[in-house]
Amino acid sequence: MSDYKHPYRDAEFILNELVGFDQLCADAGLEDINSELADVILTEAGKLGADVLAPLNYIGDTQGATLSPRRDLINASTMLSMSKTVGRL
């Protein structure tokens, strides 16, 4: 499993304190977009990174990748994804 922790507080600080995200969106006429929406997106992106993407790094680091006969890049995580999609290896 991965030890990845999304730097949520850093991203929130950058958007709110350095960029002034709410004012930027207001100036651009984006009334429905604000820092509250950005916070939700950042939270979900952190979950995706920690739960889905980061574990693939370990597989790639330990098993590497090869080319299939069709010249597709294949590794363990690709095979895992294909087996979940197709239902078989």
Protein backbone atom coordinates (compact mmCIF):
# COMPACT_ATOMS: atom_id res chain seq x y z
CA MET A 1 0.00 0.00 0.00
CA SER A 2 1.07 3.56 -0.53
CA ASP A 3 2.05 6.18 1.99
CA TYR A 4 1.01 9.02 -0.32
CA LYS A 5 -0.76 11.90 1.40
CA HIS A 6 -2.23 14.61 -0.79
CA PRO A 7 -0.86 18.05 0.21
CA TYR A 8 -4.38 19.38 0.67
CA ARG A 9 -3.49 22.20 3.07
CA ASP A 10 -0.73 23.41 0.74
CA ALA A 11 -3.04 23.43 -2.27
CA GLU A 12 -5.77 25.18 -0.30
CA PHE A 13 -3.29 27.83 0.88
CA ILE A 14 -2.07 28.45 -2.66
CA LEU A 15 -5.58 28.81 -4.06
CA ASN A 16 -6.98 30.97 -1.29
CA GLU A 17 -4.03 33.04 -0.08
CA LEU A 18 -1.72 33.34 -3.08
CA VAL A 19 -4.04 33.13 -6.07
CA GLY A 20 -7.17 34.65 -4.53
CA PHE A 21 -9.32 32.02 -6.20
CA ASP A 22 -12.71 33.46 -5.24
CA GLN A 23 -11.82 36.89 -6.58
CA LEU A 24 -10.29 35.40 -9.72
CA CYS A 25 -13.48 33.46 -10.45
CA ALA A 26 -15.66 36.49 -9.71
CA ASP A 27 -13.58 38.65 -12.07
CA ALA A 28 -13.93 36.00 -14.80
CA GLY A 29 -17.71 35.85 -14.35
CA LEU A 30 -17.69 32.30 -13.02
CA GLU A 31 -20.37 32.64 -10.36
CA ASP A 32 -20.80 28.88 -9.80
CA ILE A 33 -17.10 28.27 -9.24
CA ASN A 34 -15.55 29.19 -5.90
CA SER A 35 -13.06 27.97 -3.31
CA GLU A 36 -15.67 25.67 -1.75
CA LEU A 37 -16.00 23.78 -5.04
CA ALA A 38 -12.22 23.78 -5.45
CA ASP A 39 -11.84 22.29 -1.94
CA VAL A 40 -14.19 19.43 -2.83
CA ILE A 41 -12.31 18.78 -6.08
CA LEU A 42 -8.96 18.82 -4.27
CA THR A 43 -10.26 16.37 -1.67
CA GLU A 44 -11.49 13.94 -4.31
CA ALA A 45 -8.28 14.33 -6.34
CA GLY A 46 -6.33 13.45 -3.20
CA LYS A 47 -8.42 10.31 -2.75
CA LEU A 48 -7.84 9.32 -6.38
CA GLY A 49 -4.11 9.89 -6.01
CA ALA A 50 -3.81 7.97 -2.75
CA ASP A 51 -6.21 5.12 -3.47
CA VAL A 52 -5.79 4.52 -7.21
CA LEU A 53 -2.68 6.11 -8.67
CA ALA A 54 -0.09 5.80 -5.89
CA PRO A 55 -0.46 2.00 -5.52
CA LEU A 56 0.36 1.65 -9.23
CA ASN A 57 3.77 3.23 -8.61
CA TYR A 58 4.81 0.29 -6.44
CA ILE A 59 3.75 -2.25 -9.06
CA GLY A 60 5.60 -0.38 -11.78
CA ASP A 61 8.72 0.00 -9.65
CA THR A 62 8.91 -3.67 -8.74
CA GLN A 63 7.73 -5.37 -11.94
CA GLY A 64 8.61 -2.97 -14.72
CA ALA A 65 6.94 -3.04 -18.13
CA THR A 66 7.23 -4.96 -21.40
CA LEU A 67 5.87 -4.67 -24.91
CA SER A 68 3.11 -7.05 -25.95
CA PRO A 69 3.17 -8.69 -29.39
CA ARG A 70 0.86 -5.88 -30.58
CA ARG A 71 3.50 -3.38 -29.38
CA ASP A 72 1.32 -2.19 -26.47
CA LEU A 73 3.03 -1.35 -23.21
CA ILE A 74 2.00 -4.00 -20.71
CA ASN A 75 2.70 -4.23 -16.99
CA ALA A 76 1.04 -5.80 -13.96
CA SER A 77 -1.25 -2.84 -13.32
CA THR A 78 -2.39 -2.87 -16.97
CA MET A 79 -3.20 -6.55 -16.70
CA LEU A 80 -5.05 -5.91 -13.45
CA SER A 81 -7.09 -3.15 -15.06
CA MET A 82 -7.84 -5.30 -18.09
CA SER A 83 -8.94 -8.21 -15.91
CA LYS A 84 -11.36 -5.98 -14.00
CA THR A 85 -12.74 -4.54 -17.23
CA VAL A 86 -13.00 -7.75 -19.19
CA GLY A 87 -13.63 -9.99 -16.21
CA ARG A 88 -10.78 -12.34 -17.00
CA LEU A 89 -7.03 -12.37 -17.69
